[in-house]
Amino acid sequence: MSDAALQRRLEAATALATEAGALALRLRPPPGAPAATWKGTQDWLTEADGAVEAFLSERLAVLFPEDGFQGEETGKGRSGTLRWVVDPIDGTSNYARGSARFCVSLGLIEGRTSLAGVLVAPALGETFAARRGGGATLNGVAIRAAETTQLSRAMVECGWSHRRSNDGFYRIVQGAMGAGAALRAGGSGALGLADVAAGRIDAYLELHINLWDVAAAISILTEAGAEVSPFMEGDGLNSGNPIFAAAPGIAAALREATGFPAS
């Protein structure tokens, strides 16, 4: 695909994700206990998940009828050489409680290659975007991964997944802390990965995450110069994989300290 064609898709995706984010804001519950349907352990479904995914699917079908579509809630709705992969609300547990830390994630892949990605966090007023060979931006300004070189000065986010044992999570956390890194948890894998791309934190690790959570973020990370694990390998497209994203200067040391991936 030409740079011009890819840029056209990125611009369209950014506009659509912005509209979808506005829709999500209108439907956001007030602060309080989760206003959502319980799908499983710490796994929630809100009214906005379905509405945002349907909006994006319908609009993309009109703009790019030859492209495939896959959503977190509806699965693979259309086939195509190119595939749009959507997480309508990433950070649903935050969103369901009225928190501002959530985003709409819209990624474009071809086979096992990530071509472009957009993350819109409407309550934060932030839009991350990237396309292959075009760099990564936050609200239109270029971003790069941090230049941190010492784990004792690093900030690391460790995402938790109920699909893997808590023991594995504990080993990663203990390894990072033992090397002197500061830890945080934000409740949105996509935004945690985007923060690595922007240099706000130095790494994001999670033992299991799904394609729709990372399809946009991988492009943003790659274009921002972060080191990213080969998520698309194996059965990552269908069943998910671990994800490791880090500033290049600490990546090797963090892998060694955490033994990532520890199952």
C-alpha atoms as a PDB file:
ATOM      1  CA  MET A   1       0.000   0.000   0.000  1.00  0.00           C
ATOM      2  CA  SER A   2       1.284   3.460  -0.897  1.00  0.00           C
ATOM      3  CA  ASP A   3       2.086   6.025   1.779  1.00  0.00           C
ATOM      4  CA  ALA A   4      -0.679   8.239   0.398  1.00  0.00           C
ATOM      5  CA  ALA A   5      -3.317   5.499   0.670  1.00  0.00           C
ATOM      6  CA  LEU A   6      -2.184   4.639   4.188  1.00  0.00           C
ATOM      7  CA  GLN A   7      -2.228   8.297   5.199  1.00  0.00           C
ATOM      8  CA  ARG A   8      -5.768   8.610   3.881  1.00  0.00           C
ATOM      9  CA  ARG A   9      -6.849   5.706   6.042  1.00  0.00           C
ATOM     10  CA  LEU A  10      -5.087   7.134   9.087  1.00  0.00           C
ATOM     11  CA  GLU A  11      -6.807  10.490   8.652  1.00  0.00           C
ATOM     12  CA  ALA A  12     -10.184   8.811   8.250  1.00  0.00           C
ATOM     13  CA  ALA A  13      -9.559   6.587  11.278  1.00  0.00           C
ATOM     14  CA  THR A  14      -8.605   9.597  13.387  1.00  0.00           C
ATOM     15  CA  ALA A  15     -11.797  11.430  12.455  1.00  0.00           C
ATOM     16  CA  LEU A  16     -13.952   8.370  13.136  1.00  0.00           C
ATOM     17  CA  ALA A  17     -12.250   7.574  16.446  1.00  0.00           C
ATOM     18  CA  THR A  18     -12.778  11.183  17.522  1.00  0.00           C
ATOM     19  CA  GLU A  19     -16.500  10.890  16.764  1.00  0.00           C
ATOM     20  CA  ALA A  20     -16.612   7.539  18.547  1.00  0.00           C
ATOM     21  CA  GLY A  21     -14.902   9.064  21.562  1.00  0.00           C
ATOM     22  CA  ALA A  22     -17.512  11.808  21.718  1.00  0.00           C
ATOM     23  CA  LEU A  23     -20.224   9.144  21.640  1.00  0.00           C
ATOM     24  CA  ALA A  24     -18.515   7.279  24.472  1.00  0.00           C
ATOM     25  CA  LEU A  25     -18.359  10.468  26.527  1.00  0.00           C
ATOM     26  CA  ARG A  26     -22.078  11.044  26.105  1.00  0.00           C
ATOM     27  CA  LEU A  27     -22.802   7.526  27.334  1.00  0.00           C
ATOM     28  CA  ARG A  28     -20.247   7.481  30.168  1.00  0.00           C
ATOM     29  CA  PRO A  29     -21.762   6.501  33.528  1.00  0.00           C
ATOM     30  CA  PRO A  30     -21.406   8.836  36.512  1.00  0.00           C
ATOM     31  CA  PRO A  31     -18.739   8.031  39.123  1.00  0.00           C
ATOM     32  CA  GLY A  32     -19.654   5.190  41.440  1.00  0.00           C
ATOM     33  CA  ALA A  33     -19.986   1.414  41.411  1.00  0.00           C
ATOM     34  CA  PRO A  34     -19.649  -0.174  37.944  1.00  0.00           C
ATOM     35  CA  ALA A  35     -22.606   0.602  35.659  1.00  0.00           C
ATOM     36  CA  ALA A  36     -22.057  -2.390  33.393  1.00  0.00           C
ATOM     37  CA  THR A  37     -22.772  -6.045  32.712  1.00  0.00           C
ATOM     38  CA  TRP A  38     -20.352  -8.488  34.317  1.00  0.00           C
ATOM     39  CA  LYS A  39     -18.701 -10.762  31.707  1.00  0.00           C
ATOM     40  CA  GLY A  40     -16.142 -12.342  34.040  1.00  0.00           C
ATOM     41  CA  THR A  41     -13.536 -11.497  36.650  1.00  0.00           C
ATOM     42  CA  GLN A  42     -12.886  -7.741  36.302  1.00  0.00           C
ATOM     43  CA  ASP A  43     -14.340  -7.941  32.769  1.00  0.00           C
ATOM     44  CA  TRP A  44     -17.190  -5.538  32.074  1.00  0.00           C
ATOM     45  CA  LEU A  45     -19.512  -4.649  29.194  1.00  0.00           C
ATOM     46  CA  THR A  46     -21.194  -1.256  28.954  1.00  0.00           C
ATOM     47  CA  GLU A  47     -23.815   0.225  26.658  1.00  0.00           C
ATOM     48  CA  ALA A  48     -21.063   2.247  24.986  1.00  0.00           C
ATOM     49  CA  ASP A  49     -19.044  -0.824  23.967  1.00  0.00           C
ATOM     50  CA  GLY A  50     -21.743  -1.989  21.595  1.00  0.00           C
ATOM     51  CA  ALA A  51     -22.716   1.474  20.384  1.00  0.00           C
ATOM     52  CA  VAL A  52     -19.152   2.591  19.614  1.00  0.00           C
ATOM     53  CA  GLU A  53     -18.239  -0.670  17.891  1.00  0.00           C
ATOM     54  CA  ALA A  54     -21.381  -0.570  15.723  1.00  0.00           C
ATOM     55  CA  PHE A  55     -20.699   3.055  14.775  1.00  0.00           C
ATOM     56  CA  LEU A  56     -17.123   2.318  13.695  1.00  0.00           C
ATOM     57  CA  SER A  57     -18.066  -0.849  11.820  1.00  0.00           C
ATOM     58  CA  GLU A  58     -20.808   0.895   9.850  1.00  0.00           C
ATOM     59  CA  ARG A  59     -18.749   3.960   8.959  1.00  0.00           C
ATOM     60  CA  LEU A  60     -15.660   1.979   7.945  1.00  0.00           C
ATOM     61  CA  ALA A  61     -17.804  -0.255   5.728  1.00  0.00           C
ATOM     62  CA  VAL A  62     -18.907   2.836   3.818  1.00  0.00           C
ATOM     63  CA  LEU A  63     -15.467   4.450   3.571  1.00  0.00           C
ATOM     64  CA  PHE A  64     -13.431   1.304   2.885  1.00  0.00           C
ATOM     65  CA  PRO A  65     -15.784  -1.502   1.806  1.00  0.00           C
ATOM     66  CA  GLU A  66     -12.861  -3.678   0.678  1.00  0.00           C
ATOM     67  CA  ASP A  67     -11.323  -3.732   4.173  1.00  0.00           C
ATOM     68  CA  GLY A  68     -12.037  -6.330   6.823  1.00  0.00           C
ATOM     69  CA  PHE A  69     -13.309  -5.544  10.310  1.00  0.00           C
ATOM     70  CA  GLN A  70     -12.845  -7.149  13.729  1.00  0.00           C
ATOM     71  CA  GLY A  71     -14.309  -5.844  16.963  1.00  0.00           C
ATOM     72  CA  GLU A  72     -13.850  -6.975  20.541  1.00  0.00           C
ATOM     73  CA  GLU A  73     -17.562  -7.533  21.011  1.00  0.00           C
ATOM     74  CA  THR A  74     -18.669  -8.827  17.592  1.00  0.00           C
ATOM     75  CA  GLY A  75     -15.533 -10.609  16.352  1.00  0.00           C
ATOM     76  CA  LYS A  76     -14.569 -10.730  12.674  1.00  0.00           C
ATOM     77  CA  GLY A  77     -17.455  -9.101  10.906  1.00  0.00           C
ATOM     78  CA  ARG A  78     -15.901  -8.683   7.456  1.00  0.00           C
ATOM     79  CA  SER A  79     -12.914 -10.144   5.619  1.00  0.00           C
ATOM     80  CA  GLY A  80     -10.287  -8.315   3.612  1.00  0.00           C
ATOM     81  CA  THR A  81      -6.558  -8.145   2.954  1.00  0.00           C
ATOM     82  CA  LEU A  82      -6.481  -5.154   5.299  1.00  0.00           C
ATOM     83  CA  ARG A  83      -8.299  -5.462   8.611  1.00  0.00           C
ATOM     84  CA  TRP A  84      -9.502  -2.794  11.007  1.00  0.00           C
ATOM     85  CA  VAL A  85      -9.290  -4.042  14.599  1.00  0.00           C
ATOM     86  CA  VAL A  86     -11.366  -2.150  17.166  1.00  0.00           C
ATOM     87  CA  ASP A  87     -11.522  -1.999  20.924  1.00  0.00           C
ATOM     88  CA  PRO A  88     -14.538   0.291  21.406  1.00  0.00           C
ATOM     89  CA  ILE A  89     -13.706   1.078  25.031  1.00  0.00           C
ATOM     90  CA  ASP A  90     -10.275   0.109  26.325  1.00  0.00           C
ATOM     91  CA  GLY A  91     -10.202   0.558  30.078  1.00  0.00           C
ATOM     92  CA  THR A  92     -13.814  -0.520  30.474  1.00  0.00           C
ATOM     93  CA  SER A  93     -13.472  -1.045  34.235  1.00  0.00           C
ATOM     94  CA  ASN A  94     -12.411   2.603  34.526  1.00  0.00           C
ATOM     95  CA  TYR A  95     -15.118   3.784  32.129  1.00  0.00           C
ATOM     96  CA  ALA A  96     -17.865   1.857  33.915  1.00  0.00           C
ATOM     97  CA  ARG A  97     -17.046   3.783  37.105  1.00  0.00           C
ATOM     98  CA  GLY A  98     -17.060   7.182  35.426  1.00  0.00           C
ATOM     99  CA  SER A  99     -13.273   7.513  35.258  1.00  0.00           C
ATOM    100  CA  ALA A 100     -11.526   9.562  32.555  1.00  0.00           C
ATOM    101  CA  ARG A 101      -8.825   6.972  31.788  1.00  0.00           C
ATOM    102  CA  PHE A 102     -10.269   5.065  28.827  1.00  0.00           C
ATOM    103  CA  CYS A 103      -9.885   5.243  25.074  1.00  0.00           C
ATOM    104  CA  VAL A 104     -11.226   4.170  21.696  1.00  0.00           C
ATOM    105  CA  SER A 105      -8.640   2.016  19.899  1.00  0.00           C
ATOM    106  CA  LEU A 106      -8.629   1.598  16.124  1.00  0.00           C
ATOM    107  CA  GLY A 107      -5.787  -0.303  14.446  1.00  0.00           C
ATOM    108  CA  LEU A 108      -5.147  -1.353  10.845  1.00  0.00           C
ATOM    109  CA  ILE A 109      -3.260  -4.583  10.141  1.00  0.00           C
ATOM    110  CA  GLU A 110      -2.275  -6.577   7.075  1.00  0.00           C
ATOM    111  CA  GLY A 111      -1.646 -10.209   7.886  1.00  0.00           C
ATOM    112  CA  ARG A 112       0.689 -10.083  10.888  1.00  0.00           C
ATOM    113  CA  THR A 113       1.868  -6.527  10.210  1.00  0.00           C
ATOM    114  CA  SER A 114       0.565  -3.452  11.985  1.00  0.00           C
ATOM    115  CA  LEU A 115       0.138  -0.592   9.507  1.00  0.00           C
ATOM    116  CA  ALA A 116      -1.520   2.219  11.446  1.00  0.00           C
ATOM    117  CA  GLY A 117      -3.194   3.011  14.723  1.00  0.00           C
ATOM    118  CA  VAL A 118      -5.265   5.651  16.485  1.00  0.00           C
ATOM    119  CA  LEU A 119      -6.103   5.929  20.178  1.00  0.00           C
ATOM    120  CA  VAL A 120      -8.546   8.625  21.257  1.00  0.00           C
ATOM    121  CA  ALA A 121      -8.951   9.299  24.979  1.00  0.00           C
ATOM    122  CA  PRO A 122     -11.811  11.809  24.853  1.00  0.00           C
ATOM    123  CA  ALA A 123     -12.073  12.610  28.555  1.00  0.00           C
ATOM    124  CA  LEU A 124      -8.322  13.321  28.620  1.00  0.00           C
ATOM    125  CA  GLY A 125      -8.380  15.330  25.393  1.00  0.00           C
ATOM    126  CA  GLU A 126      -5.673  13.155  23.829  1.00  0.00           C
ATOM    127  CA  THR A 127      -5.254  11.539  20.427  1.00  0.00           C
ATOM    128  CA  PHE A 128      -2.330   9.228  19.661  1.00  0.00           C
ATOM    129  CA  ALA A 129      -1.770   8.337  16.009  1.00  0.00           C
ATOM    130  CA  ALA A 130       0.814   6.614  13.818  1.00  0.00           C
ATOM    131  CA  ARG A 131       1.287   4.972  10.451  1.00  0.00           C
ATOM    132  CA  ARG A 132       4.090   2.841   9.085  1.00  0.00           C
ATOM    133  CA  GLY A 133       7.030   5.063   8.211  1.00  0.00           C
ATOM    134  CA  GLY A 134       5.217   8.235   9.243  1.00  0.00           C
ATOM    135  CA  GLY A 135       6.178   8.624  12.889  1.00  0.00           C
ATOM    136  CA  ALA A 136       3.937   8.773  15.956  1.00  0.00           C
ATOM    137  CA  THR A 137       2.124  11.780  17.373  1.00  0.00           C
ATOM    138  CA  LEU A 138       0.173  12.939  20.410  1.00  0.00           C
ATOM    139  CA  ASN A 139      -2.310  15.661  19.490  1.00  0.00           C
ATOM    140  CA  GLY A 140      -0.340  16.237  16.305  1.00  0.00           C
ATOM    141  CA  VAL A 141       3.055  16.617  18.005  1.00  0.00           C
ATOM    142  CA  ALA A 142       5.766  14.005  17.412  1.00  0.00           C
ATOM    143  CA  ILE A 143       6.512  11.655  20.316  1.00  0.00           C
ATOM    144  CA  ARG A 144       9.412   9.338  21.147  1.00  0.00           C
ATOM    145  CA  ALA A 145      10.039   6.677  23.755  1.00  0.00           C
ATOM    146  CA  ALA A 146      12.042   7.800  26.786  1.00  0.00           C
ATOM    147  CA  GLU A 147      15.846   7.864  26.825  1.00  0.00           C
ATOM    148  CA  THR A 148      15.994   6.229  30.270  1.00  0.00           C
ATOM    149  CA  THR A 149      18.949   3.854  30.688  1.00  0.00           C
ATOM    150  CA  GLN A 150      18.723   2.807  34.353  1.00  0.00           C
ATOM    151  CA  LEU A 151      15.983   0.693  35.898  1.00  0.00           C
ATOM    152  CA  SER A 152      16.489   2.534  39.188  1.00  0.00           C
ATOM    153  CA  ARG A 153      15.144   5.619  37.415  1.00  0.00           C
ATOM    154  CA  ALA A 154      12.433   3.887  35.425  1.00  0.00           C
ATOM    155  CA  MET A 155       8.661   3.843  35.782  1.00  0.00           C
ATOM    156  CA  VAL A 156       7.001   0.578  34.747  1.00  0.00           C
ATOM    157  CA  GLU A 157       3.365  -0.434  34.382  1.00  0.00           C
ATOM    158  CA  CYS A 158       2.518  -4.107  34.911  1.00  0.00           C
ATOM    159  CA  GLY A 159      -0.892  -5.019  33.558  1.00  0.00           C
ATOM    160  CA  TRP A 160      -2.827  -7.802  35.280  1.00  0.00           C
ATOM    161  CA  SER A 161      -4.782 -10.471  33.409  1.00  0.00           C
ATOM    162  CA  HIS A 162      -7.112 -13.056  34.918  1.00  0.00           C
ATOM    163  CA  ARG A 163      -6.098 -15.359  32.042  1.00  0.00           C
ATOM    164  CA  ARG A 164      -2.702 -15.996  33.652  1.00  0.00           C
ATOM    165  CA  SER A 165      -1.671 -17.014  37.149  1.00  0.00           C
ATOM    166  CA  ASN A 166      -1.192 -14.398  39.825  1.00  0.00           C
ATOM    167  CA  ASP A 167       2.167 -16.028  40.585  1.00  0.00           C
ATOM    168  CA  GLY A 168       3.479 -14.956  37.188  1.00  0.00           C
ATOM    169  CA  PHE A 169       2.254 -11.418  37.789  1.00  0.00           C
ATOM    170  CA  TYR A 170       3.908 -11.344  41.202  1.00  0.00           C
ATOM    171  CA  ARG A 171       7.233 -12.453  39.721  1.00  0.00           C
ATOM    172  CA  ILE A 172       7.168  -9.655  37.171  1.00  0.00           C
ATOM    173  CA  VAL A 173       6.246  -7.040  39.771  1.00  0.00           C
ATOM    174  CA  GLN A 174       8.862  -8.267  42.220  1.00  0.00           C
ATOM    175  CA  GLY A 175      11.522  -8.383  39.523  1.00  0.00           C
ATOM    176  CA  ALA A 176      10.827  -4.827  38.415  1.00  0.00           C
ATOM    177  CA  MET A 177      10.689  -3.503  41.955  1.00  0.00           C
ATOM    178  CA  GLY A 178      13.781  -5.446  42.932  1.00  0.00           C
ATOM    179  CA  ALA A 179      15.680  -3.671  40.163  1.00  0.00           C
ATOM    180  CA  GLY A 180      14.588  -0.319  41.559  1.00  0.00           C
ATOM    181  CA  ALA A 181      11.796   0.560  39.112  1.00  0.00           C
ATOM    182  CA  ALA A 182       8.723   2.469  40.266  1.00  0.00           C
ATOM    183  CA  LEU A 183       5.419   0.760  39.481  1.00  0.00           C
ATOM    184  CA  ARG A 184       2.051   2.046  38.440  1.00  0.00           C
ATOM    185  CA  ALA A 185      -1.232   0.607  37.160  1.00  0.00           C
ATOM    186  CA  GLY A 186      -3.646   2.668  35.088  1.00  0.00           C
ATOM    187  CA  GLY A 187      -6.372   0.229  34.116  1.00  0.00           C
ATOM    188  CA  SER A 188      -6.042   0.660  30.342  1.00  0.00           C
ATOM    189  CA  GLY A 189      -3.533  -1.471  28.471  1.00  0.00           C
ATOM    190  CA  ALA A 190      -3.783   0.605  25.304  1.00  0.00           C
ATOM    191  CA  LEU A 191      -3.125   3.873  27.126  1.00  0.00           C
ATOM    192  CA  GLY A 192      -0.333   2.280  29.146  1.00  0.00           C
ATOM    193  CA  LEU A 193       1.363   1.272  25.902  1.00  0.00           C
ATOM    194  CA  ALA A 194       0.768   4.723  24.444  1.00  0.00           C
ATOM    195  CA  ASP A 195       2.404   6.248  27.515  1.00  0.00           C
ATOM    196  CA  VAL A 196       5.525   4.204  26.733  1.00  0.00           C
ATOM    197  CA  ALA A 197       5.512   5.620  23.214  1.00  0.00           C
ATOM    198  CA  ALA A 198       5.216   9.150  24.596  1.00  0.00           C
ATOM    199  CA  GLY A 199       8.000   8.670  27.148  1.00  0.00           C
ATOM    200  CA  ARG A 200       5.617   9.157  30.074  1.00  0.00           C
ATOM    201  CA  ILE A 201       6.576   5.768  31.428  1.00  0.00           C
ATOM    202  CA  ASP A 202       9.451   3.496  30.480  1.00  0.00           C
ATOM    203  CA  ALA A 203       7.751   0.128  30.024  1.00  0.00           C
ATOM    204  CA  TYR A 204       4.484  -1.755  29.944  1.00  0.00           C
ATOM    205  CA  LEU A 205       4.317  -5.520  30.592  1.00  0.00           C
ATOM    206  CA  GLU A 206       1.343  -7.868  30.584  1.00  0.00           C
ATOM    207  CA  LEU A 207       1.312 -11.658  30.490  1.00  0.00           C
ATOM    208  CA  HIS A 208      -1.776 -11.870  28.297  1.00  0.00           C
ATOM    209  CA  ILE A 209      -3.521  -9.278  26.192  1.00  0.00           C
ATOM    210  CA  ASN A 210      -5.755  -9.504  23.138  1.00  0.00           C
ATOM    211  CA  LEU A 211      -5.267  -8.239  19.599  1.00  0.00           C
ATOM    212  CA  TRP A 212      -7.900  -5.514  19.889  1.00  0.00           C
ATOM    213  CA  ASP A 213      -6.093  -4.088  22.942  1.00  0.00           C
ATOM    214  CA  VAL A 214      -2.792  -3.639  21.081  1.00  0.00           C
ATOM    215  CA  ALA A 215      -3.592  -3.370  17.355  1.00  0.00           C
ATOM    216  CA  ALA A 216      -3.363   0.425  17.387  1.00  0.00           C
ATOM    217  CA  ALA A 217      -0.724   0.745  20.101  1.00  0.00           C
ATOM    218  CA  ILE A 218       1.850  -1.453  18.332  1.00  0.00           C
ATOM    219  CA  SER A 219       2.041   0.992  15.422  1.00  0.00           C
ATOM    220  CA  ILE A 220       2.364   3.927  17.792  1.00  0.00           C
ATOM    221  CA  LEU A 221       5.094   2.216  19.816  1.00  0.00           C
ATOM    222  CA  THR A 222       7.054   1.114  16.765  1.00  0.00           C
ATOM    223  CA  GLU A 223       6.986   4.543  15.165  1.00  0.00           C
ATOM    224  CA  ALA A 224       8.000   6.135  18.485  1.00  0.00           C
ATOM    225  CA  GLY A 225      11.122   3.982  18.672  1.00  0.00           C
ATOM    226  CA  ALA A 226      10.096   1.742  21.572  1.00  0.00           C
ATOM    227  CA  GLU A 227      11.137  -1.916  21.749  1.00  0.00           C
ATOM    228  CA  VAL A 228       8.076  -4.131  21.347  1.00  0.00           C
ATOM    229  CA  SER A 229       7.748  -7.899  21.679  1.00  0.00           C
ATOM    230  CA  PRO A 230       6.557  -9.833  18.574  1.00  0.00           C
ATOM    231  CA  PHE A 231       2.905  -9.939  19.602  1.00  0.00           C
ATOM    232  CA  MET A 232       1.674 -11.100  16.192  1.00  0.00           C
ATOM    233  CA  GLU A 233       3.702 -14.331  16.294  1.00  0.00           C
ATOM    234  CA  GLY A 234       2.197 -17.706  17.173  1.00  0.00           C
ATOM    235  CA  ASP A 235      -1.515 -17.463  17.854  1.00  0.00           C
ATOM    236  CA  GLY A 236      -1.447 -13.822  18.899  1.00  0.00           C
ATOM    237  CA  LEU A 237      -3.948 -12.788  16.232  1.00  0.00           C
ATOM    238  CA  ASN A 238      -6.567 -15.220  17.507  1.00  0.00           C
ATOM    239  CA  SER A 239      -5.872 -15.967  21.161  1.00  0.00           C
ATOM    240  CA  GLY A 240      -3.666 -13.103  22.338  1.00  0.00           C
ATOM    241  CA  ASN A 241      -0.087 -13.082  23.606  1.00  0.00           C
ATOM    242  CA  PRO A 242       2.114 -11.465  26.213  1.00  0.00           C
ATOM    243  CA  ILE A 243       3.144  -7.877  25.484  1.00  0.00           C
ATOM    244  CA  PHE A 244       6.417  -6.203  26.413  1.00  0.00           C
ATOM    245  CA  ALA A 245       7.043  -2.601  25.387  1.00  0.00           C
ATOM    246  CA  ALA A 246       9.941  -0.576  26.706  1.00  0.00           C
ATOM    247  CA  ALA A 247      12.273   2.321  26.172  1.00  0.00           C
ATOM    248  CA  PRO A 248      15.278   0.851  24.297  1.00  0.00           C
ATOM    249  CA  GLY A 249      17.758   1.821  26.999  1.00  0.00           C
ATOM    250  CA  ILE A 250      16.174  -0.346  29.694  1.00  0.00           C
ATOM    251  CA  ALA A 251      14.570  -3.138  27.639  1.00  0.00           C
ATOM    252  CA  ALA A 252      17.290  -5.773  28.039  1.00  0.00           C
ATOM    253  CA  ALA A 253      17.786  -5.125  31.743  1.00  0.00           C
ATOM    254  CA  LEU A 254      14.039  -5.231  32.406  1.00  0.00           C
ATOM    255  CA  ARG A 255      13.656  -8.520  30.572  1.00  0.00           C
ATOM    256  CA  GLU A 256      16.416  -9.994  32.698  1.00  0.00           C
ATOM    257  CA  ALA A 257      15.061  -8.583  35.958  1.00  0.00           C
ATOM    258  CA  THR A 258      11.512  -9.834  35.375  1.00  0.00           C
ATOM    259  CA  GLY A 259      12.203 -13.026  33.438  1.00  0.00           C
ATOM    260  CA  PHE A 260       9.481 -11.845  31.087  1.00  0.00           C
ATOM    261  CA  PRO A 261       7.370 -13.589  30.092  1.00  0.00           C
ATOM    262  CA  ALA A 262       6.949 -15.458  33.360  1.00  0.00           C
ATOM    263  CA  SER A 263       3.849 -17.661  33.233  1.00  0.00           C
END
